[in-house]
Protein backbone atom coordinates (compact mmCIF):
# COMPACT_ATOMS: atom_id res chain seq x y z
CA MET A 1 0.20 0.00 -0.10
CA GLY A 2 0.96 3.56 -0.95
CA ASN A 3 0.70 6.54 -2.95
CA ILE A 4 1.97 7.22 -6.67
CA VAL A 5 4.19 10.66 -7.15
CA ASP A 6 4.00 12.29 -9.64
CA PHE A 7 8.16 13.58 -10.93
CA GLY A 8 6.65 15.68 -14.00
CA ALA A 9 7.29 14.79 -17.62
CA ASN A 10 5.49 11.39 -17.01
CA VAL A 11 7.82 10.43 -14.68
CA THR A 12 6.25 8.42 -11.54
CA GLY A 13 7.44 6.99 -7.79
CA PHE A 14 5.83 4.54 -5.38
CA LEU A 15 5.90 5.98 -1.98
CA PRO A 16 5.30 3.57 0.49
CA MET A 17 2.26 3.83 3.07
CA SER A 18 5.20 3.14 5.66
CA HIS A 19 7.49 6.42 4.59
CA SER A 20 5.18 8.73 3.63
CA LYS A 21 4.39 9.86 7.60
CA ALA A 22 6.59 11.74 9.67
CA TYR A 23 5.93 12.04 13.46
CA GLY A 24 2.32 11.45 13.01
CA ARG A 25 1.66 13.76 10.52
CA ASP A 26 -0.42 12.56 6.85
CA LEU A 27 1.13 13.78 4.18
CA THR A 28 -1.07 12.95 1.35
CA GLY A 29 -1.81 15.53 -1.18
CA GLN A 30 1.64 17.45 -0.38
CA LYS A 31 4.27 18.48 -2.63
CA LEU A 32 7.26 17.43 -0.59
CA PRO A 33 10.83 16.92 -0.61
CA LEU A 34 11.75 12.93 -0.84
CA LYS A 35 14.77 10.93 -0.57
CA ILE A 36 14.85 7.90 -3.34
CA ILE A 37 15.79 4.87 -2.07
CA THR A 38 15.53 2.36 -4.59
CA PHE A 39 15.82 2.93 -8.32
CA GLU A 40 15.53 0.24 -11.18
CA GLU A 41 15.66 2.55 -14.60
CA ASP A 42 14.98 -1.01 -16.46
CA LYS A 43 12.22 -1.44 -14.83
CA LYS A 44 11.21 2.17 -14.65
CA ASN A 45 10.86 1.68 -10.65
CA VAL A 46 11.64 4.34 -8.32
CA VAL A 47 10.45 3.78 -4.89
CA VAL A 48 11.08 7.03 -2.42
CA SER A 49 10.43 7.99 0.71
CA TYR A 50 9.74 11.10 3.08
CA ARG A 51 10.29 9.81 6.46
CA GLU A 52 14.01 9.34 5.40
CA TYR A 53 14.69 12.40 4.15
CA PHE A 54 12.88 13.78 7.35
CA ASP A 55 15.01 11.52 9.63
CA GLU A 56 18.34 12.63 7.92
CA LYS A 57 17.32 16.31 7.79
CA MET A 58 16.10 15.88 11.65
CA LYS A 59 19.91 14.46 12.01
CA GLN A 60 21.69 17.31 10.32
CA GLU A 61 19.15 19.92 11.97
CA GLN A 62 20.37 18.18 15.40
CA GLU A 63 24.07 18.22 14.73
CA LYS A 64 24.22 21.90 13.79
CA ILE A 65 22.05 22.57 17.07
CA ASN A 66 24.68 20.19 19.25
CA LYS A 67 27.39 22.56 17.94
CA ASN A 68 25.70 25.75 18.35
CA PHE A 69 24.00 24.92 21.58
CA PRO A 70 26.18 22.65 23.99
CA VAL A 71 24.66 21.48 26.87
CA GLY A 72 25.52 22.76 29.85
CA GLU A 73 27.42 25.14 28.78
CA LYS A 74 27.01 29.37 28.71
CA ILE A 75 26.36 31.01 25.29
CA ARG A 76 25.79 34.39 24.13
CA VAL A 77 22.11 34.99 22.76
CA LYS A 78 20.33 38.49 21.54
CA ILE A 79 16.70 39.34 22.83
CA THR A 80 14.20 39.88 20.24
CA ASP A 81 11.48 40.44 21.88
CA LEU A 82 9.90 40.94 25.38
CA LYS A 83 6.93 39.34 26.74
CA GLU A 84 4.79 38.93 30.39
CA ASN A 85 6.01 35.55 30.26
CA GLY A 86 9.34 34.99 29.21
CA MET A 87 11.51 36.80 26.09
CA GLU A 88 12.56 35.42 22.57
CA VAL A 89 16.03 35.28 21.73
CA THR A 90 17.62 33.75 18.88
CA LYS A 91 21.83 32.71 17.90
CA GLU A 92 22.71 31.59 14.25
CA GLY A 93 19.24 31.91 12.95
CA PHE A 94 17.35 30.07 15.45
CA CYS A 95 14.56 31.16 17.57
CA ILE A 96 14.10 30.75 21.15
CA PHE A 97 11.28 31.52 23.84
CA ILE A 98 12.56 31.13 27.73
CA PRO A 99 10.26 31.57 29.98
CA LEU A 100 9.66 34.12 32.93
CA HIS A 101 11.00 31.02 35.91
CA GLU A 102 14.03 30.76 33.95
CA ILE A 103 14.80 34.06 33.30
CA SER A 104 15.01 35.07 37.25
CA TYR A 105 15.19 33.29 40.52
CA ARG A 106 12.40 35.74 41.92
CA ARG A 107 9.08 35.54 41.33
CA HIS A 108 7.62 38.61 40.30
CA ILE A 109 10.15 40.41 37.69
CA ASN A 110 9.12 42.43 34.91
CA VAL A 111 11.07 41.49 32.02
CA ALA A 112 10.54 44.82 30.20
CA GLU A 113 12.16 46.28 33.25
CA ASN A 114 15.47 44.70 33.91
CA PHE A 115 15.82 43.70 29.48
CA LYS A 116 15.92 45.71 26.12
CA ILE A 117 15.52 44.51 22.98
CA ASP A 118 19.09 43.92 21.26
CA ASP A 119 20.72 43.22 24.37
CA GLU A 120 23.21 40.54 24.06
CA ILE A 121 22.82 38.28 26.97
CA ASP A 122 24.42 34.93 28.43
CA ALA A 123 21.89 32.04 28.61
CA VAL A 124 22.71 28.24 29.49
CA VAL A 125 21.82 25.82 27.64
CA ILE A 126 19.41 23.05 29.58
CA SER A 127 18.34 20.63 26.70
CA THR A 128 18.33 20.11 22.89
CA GLU A 129 16.27 17.14 22.83
CA LYS A 130 14.01 16.57 19.59
CA GLY A 131 15.56 19.78 18.20
CA ASP A 132 14.43 21.32 20.99
CA VAL A 133 16.36 24.54 22.52
CA ARG A 134 15.66 25.09 26.01
CA LEU A 135 17.66 27.68 27.75
CA SER A 136 18.06 29.24 30.90
CA ILE A 137 19.38 32.79 31.69
CA LYS A 138 19.05 32.84 35.66
CA LYS A 139 20.97 29.38 35.58
CA SER A 140 23.96 31.55 34.15
CA PHE A 141 24.70 33.17 37.87
CA PRO A 142 24.72 31.82 41.72
CA ASP A 143 21.33 31.31 42.85
CA PRO A 144 21.25 34.14 45.42
CA PHE A 145 18.74 32.13 47.91
CA GLU A 146 21.86 29.43 48.83
CA LYS A 147 23.60 32.12 49.31
CA PHE A 148 21.31 33.55 51.64
CA LEU A 149 20.81 30.37 53.84
CA LYS A 150 24.59 30.90 54.57
CA GLU A 151 24.51 34.55 55.67
CA LYS A 152 20.69 34.94 57.38
CA LYS A 153 19.05 32.95 60.17
CA HIS A 154 16.22 32.27 61.54
CA GLY A 155 15.14 35.57 64.25
CA ASP A 156 17.09 37.72 62.22
CA LYS A 157 15.90 41.52 60.87
CA VAL A 158 15.02 41.73 57.33
CA LYS A 159 13.71 44.37 55.17
CA ILE A 160 10.84 43.34 53.03
CA LYS A 161 8.26 44.79 50.13
CA ILE A 162 5.00 43.64 49.12
CA ASP A 163 5.12 42.45 45.65
CA GLU A 164 1.76 40.63 45.88
CA ILE A 165 -1.11 40.14 47.86
CA ASP A 166 -2.01 36.48 48.32
CA GLY A 167 -5.67 35.08 49.64
CA ASP A 168 -2.79 33.50 52.57
CA GLY A 169 -0.67 36.53 52.74
CA ALA A 170 1.74 38.84 51.20
CA PHE A 171 4.54 37.45 48.85
CA VAL A 172 7.97 40.10 49.76
CA ASP A 173 10.92 40.87 48.41
CA VAL A 174 13.49 40.18 50.77
CA ASP A 175 16.76 42.85 51.43
CA GLY A 176 16.11 42.70 47.77
CA VAL A 177 17.70 39.72 46.62
CA VAL A 178 15.13 36.94 47.58
CA ASP A 179 11.60 35.61 47.56
CA GLY A 180 9.70 36.03 51.00
CA PHE A 181 6.09 35.31 52.21
CA LEU A 182 4.66 37.11 54.90
CA PRO A 183 1.37 34.86 56.25
CA THR A 184 -1.56 36.61 57.63
CA GLY A 185 -1.18 35.13 60.71
CA GLU A 186 2.07 36.85 60.94
CA ILE A 187 0.81 40.34 60.84
CA SER A 188 -0.75 41.12 63.99
CA TYR A 189 -1.02 39.69 67.68
CA TYR A 190 -4.16 42.12 68.52
CA LYS A 191 -6.20 41.89 65.09
CA LYS A 192 -7.61 38.77 63.37
CA ILE A 193 -6.33 39.82 59.42
CA ASN A 194 -8.13 37.69 56.80
CA ASN A 195 -6.77 39.37 53.80
CA ALA A 196 -3.35 41.14 53.80
CA GLY A 197 -4.99 43.50 50.89
CA THR A 198 -7.07 45.66 54.43
CA VAL A 199 -3.43 45.85 55.56
CA PHE A 200 -1.23 46.69 53.33
CA LYS A 201 -1.06 47.66 49.10
CA LYS A 202 1.95 46.61 46.56
CA ASP A 203 5.43 48.28 47.25
CA ASP A 204 4.56 49.42 50.83
CA GLU A 205 8.25 48.38 52.66
CA MET A 206 8.54 47.94 56.54
CA GLU A 207 10.95 45.43 58.59
CA ALA A 208 10.25 42.19 59.60
CA VAL A 209 11.84 38.94 61.27
CA ILE A 210 12.75 35.70 59.96
CA ILE A 211 10.67 32.95 61.05
CA LYS A 212 11.71 30.11 57.84
CA MET A 213 13.63 28.77 55.85
CA ASP A 214 11.41 27.49 53.04
CA GLU A 215 14.30 25.42 51.02
CA ASN A 216 12.03 23.28 48.95
CA GLN A 217 9.99 26.34 47.66
CA LYS A 218 13.27 28.80 47.73
CA LEU A 219 11.33 30.95 50.00
CA VAL A 220 11.88 32.84 53.05
CA ILE A 221 8.96 33.30 55.94
CA VAL A 222 8.60 36.14 57.87
CA SER A 223 6.59 38.01 60.31
CA ILE A 224 6.14 41.41 61.28
CA LYS A 225 4.25 40.56 64.95
CA ARG A 226 7.26 38.70 66.07
CA LEU A 227 9.16 41.75 66.11
CA GLU A 228 7.30 42.61 69.17
CA LYS A 229 7.09 40.80 72.48
CA ASN A 230 4.02 38.58 72.28
CA PRO A 231 1.11 40.44 74.11
CA TRP A 232 -0.58 36.91 74.97
CA TYR A 233 1.85 35.68 77.16
CA ASN A 234 0.67 37.79 80.48
CA ILE A 235 -2.94 38.56 79.12
CA GLU A 236 -4.51 36.74 82.36
CA GLU A 237 -2.71 39.61 83.95
CA ARG A 238 -4.16 42.60 81.77
CA TYR A 239 -7.35 41.04 81.31
CA PRO A 240 -8.13 38.82 84.12
CA VAL A 241 -10.95 36.25 83.93
CA GLY A 242 -14.78 37.94 84.72
CA ALA A 243 -13.43 41.47 84.17
CA ARG A 244 -15.61 43.55 82.15
CA VAL A 245 -14.11 45.33 79.03
CA ILE A 246 -15.73 47.87 76.67
CA GLY A 247 -15.61 46.56 72.53
CA ILE A 248 -17.90 47.53 69.95
CA ILE A 249 -19.49 44.79 67.68
CA ARG A 250 -17.35 44.74 64.16
CA GLU A 251 -18.98 41.46 62.51
CA ILE A 252 -22.03 39.08 62.99
CA SER A 253 -21.92 35.66 61.69
CA GLU A 254 -25.04 33.80 62.44
CA ARG A 255 -25.14 30.54 64.21
CA GLU A 256 -21.45 31.41 64.98
CA GLY A 257 -20.99 34.29 67.32
CA VAL A 258 -19.61 38.13 66.98
CA THR A 259 -16.33 39.44 66.79
CA VAL A 260 -15.46 42.49 68.85
CA GLU A 261 -13.04 45.26 68.44
CA LEU A 262 -12.22 46.15 72.15
CA GLU A 263 -10.66 49.66 72.63
CA GLU A 264 -6.83 48.87 72.99
CA ASN A 265 -7.35 47.35 69.74
CA PHE A 266 -7.59 43.51 71.02
CA ASP A 267 -9.95 41.47 68.73
CA ALA A 268 -12.45 39.21 70.66
CA PHE A 269 -15.55 36.96 70.14
CA MET A 270 -18.33 35.91 72.03
CA HIS A 271 -20.42 33.23 70.88
CA VAL A 272 -24.19 32.87 69.85
CA SER A 273 -24.86 30.75 73.02
CA ASN A 274 -22.99 34.09 75.49
CA VAL A 275 -25.41 36.86 73.74
CA SER A 276 -28.57 36.77 75.69
CA TRP A 277 -30.35 34.61 78.48
CA PHE A 278 -33.43 34.89 76.48
CA ASN A 279 -34.68 33.39 72.85
CA PHE A 280 -34.26 35.40 69.49
CA ASN A 281 -34.39 34.31 66.08
CA GLN A 282 -30.97 36.07 64.79
CA ILE A 283 -28.38 37.90 66.54
CA SER A 284 -28.90 40.86 64.44
CA ASP A 285 -32.56 41.10 66.30
CA VAL A 286 -30.59 41.82 69.32
CA LEU A 287 -27.04 43.36 68.60
CA LYS A 288 -25.99 45.49 65.56
CA PRO A 289 -22.37 45.84 63.71
CA GLY A 290 -21.25 49.79 65.35
CA ASP A 291 -22.98 48.78 68.54
CA LYS A 292 -20.34 49.83 71.56
CA LYS A 293 -21.32 47.63 74.64
CA GLU A 294 -20.02 46.31 77.70
CA PHE A 295 -18.86 42.49 77.99
CA LYS A 296 -17.62 40.44 80.64
CA ILE A 297 -14.37 38.26 79.89
CA LEU A 298 -14.82 34.41 79.64
CA GLY A 299 -11.42 33.00 78.85
CA TYR A 300 -8.92 33.15 75.97
CA ASP A 301 -8.33 31.30 72.95
CA LYS A 302 -4.26 31.64 72.62
CA ASN A 303 -4.33 29.81 69.25
CA LYS A 304 -6.47 32.27 67.81
CA TYR A 305 -4.98 35.29 69.51
CA ARG A 306 -8.41 36.05 70.72
CA LEU A 307 -10.55 37.51 73.97
CA LEU A 308 -13.52 35.39 74.85
CA LEU A 309 -16.48 37.26 75.85
CA GLY A 310 -20.43 36.89 77.01
CA LEU A 311 -22.90 39.44 77.32
CA LYS A 312 -25.67 37.73 79.29
CA GLN A 313 -23.45 36.69 81.63
CA LEU A 314 -23.41 40.71 83.01
CA SER A 315 -26.53 40.00 84.52
CA GLN A 316 -28.48 37.05 86.73
CA SER A 317 -29.76 34.18 84.40
CA PRO A 318 -33.92 34.43 85.20
CA TRP A 319 -33.57 30.45 86.01
CA SER A 320 -31.35 31.74 88.58
CA SER A 321 -33.61 34.19 89.84
CA PHE A 322 -36.41 31.45 89.46
CA ILE A 323 -35.27 29.20 91.61
CA ASN A 324 -34.37 31.41 94.40
CA LYS A 325 -37.85 32.95 94.29
CA TYR A 326 -39.84 29.66 93.90
CA LYS A 327 -40.26 26.25 95.16
CA GLU A 328 -42.41 23.07 94.33
CA GLY A 329 -45.90 23.39 95.65
CA ASN A 330 -46.16 27.32 95.01
CA LEU A 331 -48.94 28.60 92.86
CA ILE A 332 -47.96 31.19 89.80
CA ASP A 333 -49.69 32.64 87.08
CA VAL A 334 -47.80 31.60 83.41
CA LYS A 335 -48.76 32.46 79.85
CA ILE A 336 -49.47 29.79 77.62
CA THR A 337 -46.80 29.81 74.43
CA GLU A 338 -47.88 26.67 72.93
CA ILE A 339 -50.20 23.58 72.67
CA GLU A 340 -48.81 20.38 72.04
CA ASP A 341 -50.33 16.72 71.68
CA ASN A 342 -48.96 15.45 74.74
CA TYR A 343 -48.11 19.06 76.71
CA ILE A 344 -48.65 22.74 77.18
CA ASN A 345 -46.15 24.91 77.21
CA CYS A 346 -46.27 27.79 79.37
CA GLN A 347 -43.82 30.81 80.13
CA ILE A 348 -43.75 31.48 84.11
CA VAL A 349 -41.00 34.05 83.65
CA GLU A 350 -39.06 35.85 80.49
CA GLY A 351 -36.47 33.16 80.13
CA VAL A 352 -37.93 30.23 82.00
CA PHE A 353 -40.69 28.07 81.05
CA GLY A 354 -42.90 25.01 82.32
CA ARG A 355 -44.79 22.21 80.74
CA ILE A 356 -48.29 20.80 81.42
CA PHE A 357 -48.99 17.29 80.64
CA ILE A 358 -52.09 16.95 78.67
CA LYS A 359 -54.13 13.23 76.85
CA ASN A 360 -55.39 14.95 74.50
CA LYS A 361 -55.20 18.35 72.61
CA LEU A 362 -58.47 18.80 71.24
CA LYS A 363 -60.26 18.75 74.88
CA VAL A 364 -57.96 21.61 76.11
CA LYS A 365 -60.31 24.75 77.01
CA TYR A 366 -57.59 27.36 76.82
CA LYS A 367 -55.66 28.93 73.90
CA LYS A 368 -52.12 30.49 72.99
CA GLY A 369 -51.59 33.79 75.09
CA ASP A 370 -54.16 32.78 77.96
CA VAL A 371 -53.03 33.55 81.26
CA ILE A 372 -53.54 30.64 83.55
CA ASN A 373 -52.71 29.36 87.58
CA VAL A 374 -50.91 26.90 88.01
CA LYS A 375 -48.79 25.09 90.15
CA ILE A 376 -45.37 24.27 90.19
CA THR A 377 -45.11 19.99 90.86
CA LYS A 378 -41.37 19.37 89.60
CA ILE A 379 -38.02 21.94 89.25
CA ASP A 380 -35.42 19.64 87.76
CA ARG A 381 -32.51 21.76 88.56
CA GLU A 382 -29.56 19.72 86.71
CA GLN A 383 -31.70 19.75 83.33
CA LYS A 384 -33.22 23.05 84.00
CA LYS A 385 -37.43 21.69 83.59
CA VAL A 386 -40.18 22.78 85.47
CA VAL A 387 -43.68 20.54 85.89
CA LEU A 388 -46.63 22.60 86.28
CA PHE A 389 -50.02 21.36 86.95
CA ALA A 390 -53.45 23.06 86.43
CA LYS A 391 -57.12 22.13 87.16
CA ASP A 392 -59.76 21.59 84.55
CA VAL A 393 -57.49 22.20 81.92
CA GLU A 394 -58.82 19.75 79.79
CA VAL A 395 -62.78 19.69 79.15
CA THR A 396 -64.36 16.01 80.01
CA ASP A 397 -66.83 14.44 78.09
CA GLU A 398 -69.37 14.84 81.16
CA LYS A 399 -68.86 18.47 80.78
CA LYS A 400 -69.56 18.01 77.54
CA GLU A 401 -72.63 17.03 77.73
CA LEU A 402 -73.93 19.55 80.05
């Protein structure tokens, strides 16, 4: 199987199918340079091959590449174009693209600011496999991170400049020689910062301290807050449990709690369960961002660097007031809040509820909102439950007939 090749002047040849392709390309119908592999003049038999021609050409091309681009050697190339993601260079008629990660050891570099078209620069040949020439500019220089590792250590102070804000922090320039990263958790002991962009902008400069050398990523991890003494070492002395503080509601997270900013710029947190003794549908029904309130310190979350506050703890719980005032056997007026299948739910005082057990809700002669007189039959202090009793709550069949 194969193709008939027309050379013109009534001369034809045969191109076997196995010789009509090269590296997966179908060449049927194309004008091709070919190599004669069989020529029998007496039989007028000409067999040609594109594959052998192509292989021979590639071999010659590879020899030329190997001569001009010896792997591992430093060569001189000319810049022909600058792009955001790299640059194009030429040498001996070969046009080669050098990607950004092979131009500099630094992650954030502006190619146009550091190079010019027509400049000649040194580059190291990384590979020439299958005619694909790969060059590296940065490999023609020593890796600055290796030198930085020898000269600096954990705890050393450095100058940093913000290069790029990231969701987890900010990539920074460290001493103008290596890349670094400032995590959001290393910005402040006092404030919970979710985005470094709310605190810094690109090109901001400041002092920081080295907390880690990441040799795998060649990244220096730095901290700003550790330039100061950790205020959480003696937090119990400054903010003892039980003390009262003034704070401003900054953020409300329904079902979770409230972020509070104290007057000294400390972040604090109040869980939803500590907002009020009384029932509410949403925190925003009770509190609003910007509200200035007094809170009671309940404890500390040193892992997240925040005080734990309570609002309801500023007053005595309704349950405590109830058990101090009432005992089993007392008669009291209550308000019906709900009538269920097996019990009537009643509000005894605000924040304290009790139940009257019934047999049939359809026979209850009262309705929601009615105030009735009941007897306290049981107070369960551990479960904080109250059982109530009232006479003639349900209408009997006999009374219905009457």
